[in-house]
Amino acid sequence: MLEMHWRERIADQLARLGSEIERLGALLCEDEELMTRNLTALQAVDAIAQQQHCLATLLRADDLDAAIDTLSFAALKERLIAARP
């Protein structure tokens, strides 16, 4: 099992990457024509960022099962619940 300080560092990096992806998505959305042509791809970018934030939350959790149950990204939550032993 990962030591807590490593879990926290990994969580910080996931959260940082999630924020960078969100900023990139917002920047791309400033171009209305680009946004209109690539709406599905931009939604996928947003979903990736949300999942990274959720994974960071899980790494910081003391009670992983309880944290999974409260995840805000439904598809990730469902995949993790389905993978429970």
PDB file of N, CA and C in Angstrom:
ATOM      1  N   MET A   1       0.845  -1.184   0.000  1.00  0.00           N
ATOM      2  CA  MET A   1       0.000   0.000   0.000  1.00  0.00           C
ATOM      3  C   MET A   1       0.891   1.248   0.000  1.00  0.00           C
ATOM      4  N   LEU A   2       0.447   2.258  -0.709  1.00  0.00           N
ATOM      5  CA  LEU A   2       1.223   3.487  -0.781  1.00  0.00           C
ATOM      6  C   LEU A   2       1.221   4.211   0.555  1.00  0.00           C
ATOM      7  N   GLU A   3       2.383   4.730   0.914  1.00  0.00           N
ATOM      8  CA  GLU A   3       2.459   5.553   2.119  1.00  0.00           C
ATOM      9  C   GLU A   3       1.639   6.817   1.903  1.00  0.00           C
ATOM     10  N   MET A   4       1.106   7.335   2.982  1.00  0.00           N
ATOM     11  CA  MET A   4       0.202   8.487   2.899  1.00  0.00           C
ATOM     12  C   MET A   4       0.845   9.679   2.199  1.00  0.00           C
ATOM     13  N   HIS A   5       2.110   9.948   2.469  1.00  0.00           N
ATOM     14  CA  HIS A   5       2.704  11.128   1.822  1.00  0.00           C
ATOM     15  C   HIS A   5       2.786  10.937   0.311  1.00  0.00           C
ATOM     16  N   TRP A   6       2.983   9.701  -0.155  1.00  0.00           N
ATOM     17  CA  TRP A   6       3.001   9.454  -1.596  1.00  0.00           C
ATOM     18  C   TRP A   6       1.607   9.555  -2.178  1.00  0.00           C
ATOM     19  N   ARG A   7       0.615   9.071  -1.453  1.00  0.00           N
ATOM     20  CA  ARG A   7      -0.765   9.198  -1.920  1.00  0.00           C
ATOM     21  C   ARG A   7      -1.139  10.668  -2.062  1.00  0.00           C
ATOM     22  N   GLU A   8      -0.732  11.477  -1.083  1.00  0.00           N
ATOM     23  CA  GLU A   8      -1.034  12.907  -1.130  1.00  0.00           C
ATOM     24  C   GLU A   8      -0.322  13.581  -2.309  1.00  0.00           C
ATOM     25  N   ARG A   9       0.921  13.225  -2.535  1.00  0.00           N
ATOM     26  CA  ARG A   9       1.657  13.818  -3.668  1.00  0.00           C
ATOM     27  C   ARG A   9       1.030  13.443  -5.001  1.00  0.00           C
ATOM     28  N   ILE A  10       0.645  12.176  -5.140  1.00  0.00           N
ATOM     29  CA  ILE A  10      -0.001  11.735  -6.376  1.00  0.00           C
ATOM     30  C   ILE A  10      -1.343  12.440  -6.537  1.00  0.00           C
ATOM     31  N   ALA A  11      -2.095  12.554  -5.459  1.00  0.00           N
ATOM     32  CA  ALA A  11      -3.377  13.261  -5.491  1.00  0.00           C
ATOM     33  C   ALA A  11      -3.184  14.712  -5.916  1.00  0.00           C
ATOM     34  N   ASP A  12      -2.162  15.359  -5.388  1.00  0.00           N
ATOM     35  CA  ASP A  12      -1.883  16.746  -5.769  1.00  0.00           C
ATOM     36  C   ASP A  12      -1.611  16.865  -7.265  1.00  0.00           C
ATOM     37  N   GLN A  13      -0.854  15.928  -7.806  1.00  0.00           N
ATOM     38  CA  GLN A  13      -0.532  15.967  -9.227  1.00  0.00           C
ATOM     39  C   GLN A  13      -1.777  15.702 -10.085  1.00  0.00           C
ATOM     40  N   LEU A  14      -2.600  14.752  -9.682  1.00  0.00           N
ATOM     41  CA  LEU A  14      -3.849  14.503 -10.410  1.00  0.00           C
ATOM     42  C   LEU A  14      -4.742  15.739 -10.389  1.00  0.00           C
ATOM     43  N   ALA A  15      -4.863  16.366  -9.239  1.00  0.00           N
ATOM     44  CA  ALA A  15      -5.681  17.576  -9.128  1.00  0.00           C
ATOM     45  C   ALA A  15      -5.100  18.702  -9.980  1.00  0.00           C
ATOM     46  N   ARG A  16      -3.782  18.841  -9.968  1.00  0.00           N
ATOM     47  CA  ARG A  16      -3.134  19.881 -10.787  1.00  0.00           C
ATOM     48  C   ARG A  16      -3.400  19.634 -12.269  1.00  0.00           C
ATOM     49  N   LEU A  17      -3.240  18.392 -12.701  1.00  0.00           N
ATOM     50  CA  LEU A  17      -3.497  18.064 -14.099  1.00  0.00           C
ATOM     51  C   LEU A  17      -4.966  18.286 -14.460  1.00  0.00           C
ATOM     52  N   GLY A  18      -5.862  17.931 -13.543  1.00  0.00           N
ATOM     53  CA  GLY A  18      -7.285  18.178 -13.782  1.00  0.00           C
ATOM     54  C   GLY A  18      -7.567  19.653 -13.977  1.00  0.00           C
ATOM     55  N   SER A  19      -6.948  20.490 -13.167  1.00  0.00           N
ATOM     56  CA  SER A  19      -7.136  21.944 -13.296  1.00  0.00           C
ATOM     57  C   SER A  19      -6.549  22.464 -14.603  1.00  0.00           C
ATOM     58  N   GLU A  20      -5.400  21.940 -15.003  1.00  0.00           N
ATOM     59  CA  GLU A  20      -4.793  22.359 -16.275  1.00  0.00           C
ATOM     60  C   GLU A  20      -5.675  21.962 -17.449  1.00  0.00           C
ATOM     61  N   ILE A  21      -6.245  20.774 -17.387  1.00  0.00           N
ATOM     62  CA  ILE A  21      -7.132  20.322 -18.453  1.00  0.00           C
ATOM     63  C   ILE A  21      -8.376  21.196 -18.501  1.00  0.00           C
ATOM     64  N   GLU A  22      -8.916  21.551 -17.332  1.00  0.00           N
ATOM     65  CA  GLU A  22     -10.079  22.447 -17.299  1.00  0.00           C
ATOM     66  C   GLU A  22      -9.744  23.798 -17.928  1.00  0.00           C
ATOM     67  N   ARG A  23      -8.569  24.328 -17.615  1.00  0.00           N
ATOM     68  CA  ARG A  23      -8.158  25.620 -18.201  1.00  0.00           C
ATOM     69  C   ARG A  23      -8.015  25.504 -19.718  1.00  0.00           C
ATOM     70  N   LEU A  24      -7.453  24.389 -20.181  1.00  0.00           N
ATOM     71  CA  LEU A  24      -7.309  24.166 -21.616  1.00  0.00           C
ATOM     72  C   LEU A  24      -8.683  24.112 -22.276  1.00  0.00           C
ATOM     73  N   GLY A  25      -9.606  23.374 -21.676  1.00  0.00           N
ATOM     74  CA  GLY A  25     -10.959  23.287 -22.222  1.00  0.00           C
ATOM     75  C   GLY A  25     -11.625  24.655 -22.281  1.00  0.00           C
ATOM     76  N   ALA A  26     -11.467  25.437 -21.219  1.00  0.00           N
ATOM     77  CA  ALA A  26     -12.064  26.778 -21.190  1.00  0.00           C
ATOM     78  C   ALA A  26     -11.457  27.666 -22.279  1.00  0.00           C
ATOM     79  N   LEU A  27     -10.162  27.552 -22.472  1.00  0.00           N
ATOM     80  CA  LEU A  27      -9.490  28.334 -23.512  1.00  0.00           C
ATOM     81  C   LEU A  27     -10.023  27.956 -24.889  1.00  0.00           C
ATOM     82  N   LEU A  28     -10.169  26.662 -25.129  1.00  0.00           N
ATOM     83  CA  LEU A  28     -10.685  26.215 -26.423  1.00  0.00           C
ATOM     84  C   LEU A  28     -12.127  26.647 -26.627  1.00  0.00           C
ATOM     85  N   CYS A  29     -12.887  26.735 -25.562  1.00  0.00           N
ATOM     86  CA  CYS A  29     -14.286  27.147 -25.660  1.00  0.00           C
ATOM     87  C   CYS A  29     -14.438  28.640 -25.961  1.00  0.00           C
ATOM     88  N   GLU A  30     -13.380  29.401 -25.788  1.00  0.00           N
ATOM     89  CA  GLU A  30     -13.445  30.825 -26.113  1.00  0.00           C
ATOM     90  C   GLU A  30     -13.616  31.050 -27.612  1.00  0.00           C
ATOM     91  N   ASP A  31     -13.179  30.085 -28.408  1.00  0.00           N
ATOM     92  CA  ASP A  31     -13.360  30.153 -29.862  1.00  0.00           C
ATOM     93  C   ASP A  31     -14.676  29.456 -30.186  1.00  0.00           C
ATOM     94  N   GLU A  32     -15.712  30.257 -30.422  1.00  0.00           N
ATOM     95  CA  GLU A  32     -17.059  29.703 -30.588  1.00  0.00           C
ATOM     96  C   GLU A  32     -17.147  28.720 -31.761  1.00  0.00           C
ATOM     97  N   GLU A  33     -16.470  29.022 -32.838  1.00  0.00           N
ATOM     98  CA  GLU A  33     -16.497  28.129 -34.000  1.00  0.00           C
ATOM     99  C   GLU A  33     -15.817  26.794 -33.670  1.00  0.00           C
ATOM    100  N   LEU A  34     -14.674  26.867 -33.027  1.00  0.00           N
ATOM    101  CA  LEU A  34     -13.978  25.650 -32.620  1.00  0.00           C
ATOM    102  C   LEU A  34     -14.829  24.845 -31.649  1.00  0.00           C
ATOM    103  N   MET A  35     -15.450  25.531 -30.707  1.00  0.00           N
ATOM    104  CA  MET A  35     -16.284  24.859 -29.716  1.00  0.00           C
ATOM    105  C   MET A  35     -17.452  24.152 -30.401  1.00  0.00           C
ATOM    106  N   THR A  36     -18.102  24.831 -31.332  1.00  0.00           N
ATOM    107  CA  THR A  36     -19.247  24.254 -32.021  1.00  0.00           C
ATOM    108  C   THR A  36     -18.842  23.000 -32.798  1.00  0.00           C
ATOM    109  N   ARG A  37     -17.709  23.057 -33.469  1.00  0.00           N
ATOM    110  CA  ARG A  37     -17.249  21.915 -34.267  1.00  0.00           C
ATOM    111  C   ARG A  37     -16.763  20.756 -33.402  1.00  0.00           C
ATOM    112  N   ASN A  38     -16.348  21.032 -32.173  1.00  0.00           N
ATOM    113  CA  ASN A  38     -15.695  20.014 -31.346  1.00  0.00           C
ATOM    114  C   ASN A  38     -16.361  19.811 -29.995  1.00  0.00           C
ATOM    115  N   LEU A  39     -17.656  20.016 -29.931  1.00  0.00           N
ATOM    116  CA  LEU A  39     -18.355  19.957 -28.652  1.00  0.00           C
ATOM    117  C   LEU A  39     -18.184  18.612 -27.961  1.00  0.00           C
ATOM    118  N   THR A  40     -18.301  17.525 -28.681  1.00  0.00           N
ATOM    119  CA  THR A  40     -18.165  16.198 -28.077  1.00  0.00           C
ATOM    120  C   THR A  40     -16.759  15.999 -27.519  1.00  0.00           C
ATOM    121  N   ALA A  41     -15.756  16.414 -28.273  1.00  0.00           N
ATOM    122  CA  ALA A  41     -14.370  16.276 -27.803  1.00  0.00           C
ATOM    123  C   ALA A  41     -14.130  17.153 -26.579  1.00  0.00           C
ATOM    124  N   LEU A  42     -14.688  18.353 -26.555  1.00  0.00           N
ATOM    125  CA  LEU A  42     -14.512  19.234 -25.406  1.00  0.00           C
ATOM    126  C   LEU A  42     -15.229  18.686 -24.173  1.00  0.00           C
ATOM    127  N   GLN A  43     -16.357  18.039 -24.375  1.00  0.00           N
ATOM    128  CA  GLN A  43     -17.038  17.400 -23.249  1.00  0.00           C
ATOM    129  C   GLN A  43     -16.191  16.253 -22.706  1.00  0.00           C
ATOM    130  N   ALA A  44     -15.509  15.534 -23.593  1.00  0.00           N
ATOM    131  CA  ALA A  44     -14.623  14.450 -23.162  1.00  0.00           C
ATOM    132  C   ALA A  44     -13.445  15.012 -22.361  1.00  0.00           C
ATOM    133  N   VAL A  45     -12.925  16.143 -22.784  1.00  0.00           N
ATOM    134  CA  VAL A  45     -11.837  16.800 -22.052  1.00  0.00           C
ATOM    135  C   VAL A  45     -12.309  17.151 -20.646  1.00  0.00           C
ATOM    136  N   ASP A  46     -13.506  17.695 -20.537  1.00  0.00           N
ATOM    137  CA  ASP A  46     -14.067  18.041 -19.231  1.00  0.00           C
ATOM    138  C   ASP A  46     -14.253  16.791 -18.369  1.00  0.00           C
ATOM    139  N   ALA A  47     -14.714  15.708 -18.971  1.00  0.00           N
ATOM    140  CA  ALA A  47     -14.922  14.458 -18.228  1.00  0.00           C
ATOM    141  C   ALA A  47     -13.601  13.916 -17.692  1.00  0.00           C
ATOM    142  N   ILE A  48     -12.551  14.029 -18.464  1.00  0.00           N
ATOM    143  CA  ILE A  48     -11.229  13.586 -18.014  1.00  0.00           C
ATOM    144  C   ILE A  48     -10.799  14.397 -16.794  1.00  0.00           C
ATOM    145  N   ALA A  49     -10.978  15.710 -16.868  1.00  0.00           N
ATOM    146  CA  ALA A  49     -10.601  16.575 -15.741  1.00  0.00           C
ATOM    147  C   ALA A  49     -11.400  16.220 -14.491  1.00  0.00           C
ATOM    148  N   GLN A  50     -12.708  16.010 -14.649  1.00  0.00           N
ATOM    149  CA  GLN A  50     -13.542  15.666 -13.497  1.00  0.00           C
ATOM    150  C   GLN A  50     -13.090  14.351 -12.858  1.00  0.00           C
ATOM    151  N   GLN A  51     -12.774  13.373 -13.698  1.00  0.00           N
ATOM    152  CA  GLN A  51     -12.339  12.084 -13.174  1.00  0.00           C
ATOM    153  C   GLN A  51     -10.998  12.191 -12.458  1.00  0.00           C
ATOM    154  N   GLN A  52     -10.113  13.034 -12.959  1.00  0.00           N
ATOM    155  CA  GLN A  52      -8.835  13.228 -12.275  1.00  0.00           C
ATOM    156  C   GLN A  52      -9.053  13.831 -10.893  1.00  0.00           C
ATOM    157  N   HIS A  53      -9.966  14.785 -10.786  1.00  0.00           N
ATOM    158  CA  HIS A  53     -10.267  15.372  -9.481  1.00  0.00           C
ATOM    159  C   HIS A  53     -10.861  14.314  -8.548  1.00  0.00           C
ATOM    160  N   CYS A  54     -11.728  13.462  -9.079  1.00  0.00           N
ATOM    161  CA  CYS A  54     -12.309  12.388  -8.261  1.00  0.00           C
ATOM    162  C   CYS A  54     -11.232  11.414  -7.789  1.00  0.00           C
ATOM    163  N   LEU A  55     -10.320  11.047  -8.668  1.00  0.00           N
ATOM    164  CA  LEU A  55      -9.244  10.127  -8.281  1.00  0.00           C
ATOM    165  C   LEU A  55      -8.355  10.759  -7.214  1.00  0.00           C
ATOM    166  N   ALA A  56      -8.113  12.041  -7.319  1.00  0.00           N
ATOM    167  CA  ALA A  56      -7.330  12.736  -6.293  1.00  0.00           C
ATOM    168  C   ALA A  56      -8.053  12.668  -4.954  1.00  0.00           C
ATOM    169  N   THR A  57      -9.352  12.857  -4.977  1.00  0.00           N
ATOM    170  CA  THR A  57     -10.151  12.757  -3.752  1.00  0.00           C
ATOM    171  C   THR A  57     -10.034  11.369  -3.142  1.00  0.00           C
ATOM    172  N   LEU A  58     -10.100  10.349  -3.976  1.00  0.00           N
ATOM    173  CA  LEU A  58      -9.993   8.972  -3.480  1.00  0.00           C
ATOM    174  C   LEU A  58      -8.642   8.710  -2.840  1.00  0.00           C
ATOM    175  N   LEU A  59      -7.592   9.215  -3.447  1.00  0.00           N
ATOM    176  CA  LEU A  59      -6.258   9.002  -2.881  1.00  0.00           C
ATOM    177  C   LEU A  59      -6.103   9.665  -1.519  1.00  0.00           C
ATOM    178  N   ARG A  60      -6.845  10.733  -1.290  1.00  0.00           N
ATOM    179  CA  ARG A  60      -6.760  11.443  -0.014  1.00  0.00           C
ATOM    180  C   ARG A  60      -7.690  10.854   1.052  1.00  0.00           C
ATOM    181  N   ALA A  61      -8.581   9.984   0.650  1.00  0.00           N
ATOM    182  CA  ALA A  61      -9.618   9.487   1.563  1.00  0.00           C
ATOM    183  C   ALA A  61      -9.063   8.511   2.591  1.00  0.00           C
ATOM    184  N   ASP A  62      -9.551   8.645   3.819  1.00  0.00           N
ATOM    185  CA  ASP A  62      -9.231   7.674   4.860  1.00  0.00           C
ATOM    186  C   ASP A  62     -10.075   6.416   4.685  1.00  0.00           C
ATOM    187  N   ASP A  63     -11.322   6.581   4.254  1.00  0.00           N
ATOM    188  CA  ASP A  63     -12.240   5.466   4.034  1.00  0.00           C
ATOM    189  C   ASP A  63     -12.559   5.421   2.538  1.00  0.00           C
ATOM    190  N   LEU A  64     -11.838   4.575   1.824  1.00  0.00           N
ATOM    191  CA  LEU A  64     -11.959   4.519   0.371  1.00  0.00           C
ATOM    192  C   LEU A  64     -13.361   4.122  -0.075  1.00  0.00           C
ATOM    193  N   ASP A  65     -13.958   3.122   0.566  1.00  0.00           N
ATOM    194  CA  ASP A  65     -15.303   2.701   0.169  1.00  0.00           C
ATOM    195  C   ASP A  65     -16.319   3.823   0.338  1.00  0.00           C
ATOM    196  N   ALA A  66     -16.250   4.533   1.434  1.00  0.00           N
ATOM    197  CA  ALA A  66     -17.169   5.654   1.658  1.00  0.00           C
ATOM    198  C   ALA A  66     -16.925   6.765   0.634  1.00  0.00           C
ATOM    199  N   ALA A  67     -15.665   7.011   0.303  1.00  0.00           N
ATOM    200  CA  ALA A  67     -15.330   8.049  -0.674  1.00  0.00           C
ATOM    201  C   ALA A  67     -15.840   7.682  -2.066  1.00  0.00           C
ATOM    202  N   ILE A  68     -15.733   6.416  -2.421  1.00  0.00           N
ATOM    203  CA  ILE A  68     -16.252   5.971  -3.720  1.00  0.00           C
ATOM    204  C   ILE A  68     -17.760   6.224  -3.790  1.00  0.00           C
ATOM    205  N   ASP A  69     -18.448   5.918  -2.706  1.00  0.00           N
ATOM    206  CA  ASP A  69     -19.906   6.089  -2.677  1.00  0.00           C
ATOM    207  C   ASP A  69     -20.342   7.540  -2.848  1.00  0.00           C
ATOM    208  N   THR A  70     -19.466   8.480  -2.566  1.00  0.00           N
ATOM    209  CA  THR A  70     -19.833   9.901  -2.664  1.00  0.00           C
ATOM    210  C   THR A  70     -19.243  10.594  -3.891  1.00  0.00           C
ATOM    211  N   LEU A  71     -18.624   9.843  -4.796  1.00  0.00           N
ATOM    212  CA  LEU A  71     -18.022  10.472  -5.982  1.00  0.00           C
ATOM    213  C   LEU A  71     -19.070  11.213  -6.805  1.00  0.00           C
ATOM    214  N   SER A  72     -18.673  12.335  -7.368  1.00  0.00           N
ATOM    215  CA  SER A  72     -19.588  13.154  -8.152  1.00  0.00           C
ATOM    216  C   SER A  72     -19.650  12.730  -9.619  1.00  0.00           C
ATOM    217  N   PHE A  73     -18.677  11.973 -10.105  1.00  0.00           N
ATOM    218  CA  PHE A  73     -18.666  11.546 -11.502  1.00  0.00           C
ATOM    219  C   PHE A  73     -19.268  10.144 -11.565  1.00  0.00           C
ATOM    220  N   ALA A  74     -20.520  10.068 -11.999  1.00  0.00           N
ATOM    221  CA  ALA A  74     -21.305   8.832 -11.908  1.00  0.00           C
ATOM    222  C   ALA A  74     -20.663   7.648 -12.624  1.00  0.00           C
ATOM    223  N   ALA A  75     -20.139   7.843 -13.824  1.00  0.00           N
ATOM    224  CA  ALA A  75     -19.579   6.720 -14.578  1.00  0.00           C
ATOM    225  C   ALA A  75     -18.359   6.132 -13.864  1.00  0.00           C
ATOM    226  N   LEU A  76     -17.512   6.976 -13.322  1.00  0.00           N
ATOM    227  CA  LEU A  76     -16.343   6.494 -12.571  1.00  0.00           C
ATOM    228  C   LEU A  76     -16.806   5.780 -11.309  1.00  0.00           C
ATOM    229  N   LYS A  77     -17.765   6.360 -10.628  1.00  0.00           N
ATOM    230  CA  LYS A  77     -18.313   5.750  -9.417  1.00  0.00           C
ATOM    231  C   LYS A  77     -18.845   4.348  -9.726  1.00  0.00           C
ATOM    232  N   GLU A  78     -19.607   4.228 -10.803  1.00  0.00           N
ATOM    233  CA  GLU A  78     -20.166   2.926 -11.182  1.00  0.00           C
ATOM    234  C   GLU A  78     -19.071   1.910 -11.505  1.00  0.00           C
ATOM    235  N   ARG A  79     -18.039   2.339 -12.233  1.00  0.00           N
ATOM    236  CA  ARG A  79     -16.939   1.419 -12.572  1.00  0.00           C
ATOM    237  C   ARG A  79     -16.208   0.942 -11.312  1.00  0.00           C
ATOM    238  N   LEU A  80     -15.988   1.849 -10.383  1.00  0.00           N
ATOM    239  CA  LEU A  80     -15.281   1.477  -9.166  1.00  0.00           C
ATOM    240  C   LEU A  80     -16.138   0.578  -8.273  1.00  0.00           C
ATOM    241  N   ILE A  81     -17.417   0.878  -8.186  1.00  0.00           N
ATOM    242  CA  ILE A  81     -18.307   0.027  -7.392  1.00  0.00           C
ATOM    243  C   ILE A  81     -18.356  -1.378  -7.999  1.00  0.00           C
ATOM    244  N   ALA A  82     -18.426  -1.456  -9.316  1.00  0.00           N
ATOM    245  CA  ALA A  82     -18.472  -2.757  -9.990  1.00  0.00           C
ATOM    246  C   ALA A  82     -17.188  -3.550  -9.775  1.00  0.00           C
ATOM    247  N   ALA A  83     -16.080  -2.875  -9.522  1.00  0.00           N
ATOM    248  CA  ALA A  83     -14.792  -3.547  -9.345  1.00  0.00           C
ATOM    249  C   ALA A  83     -14.531  -3.960  -7.898  1.00  0.00           C
ATOM    250  N   ARG A  84     -15.436  -3.602  -6.995  1.00  0.00           N
ATOM    251  CA  ARG A  84     -15.244  -3.980  -5.591  1.00  0.00           C
ATOM    252  C   ARG A  84     -15.204  -5.489  -5.461  1.00  0.00           C
ATOM    253  N   PRO A  85     -14.350  -5.983  -4.547  1.00  0.00           N
ATOM    254  CA  PRO A  85     -14.295  -7.432  -4.334  1.00  0.00           C
ATOM    255  C   PRO A  85     -15.550  -7.949  -3.654  1.00  0.00           C
TER     256      PRO A  85
END
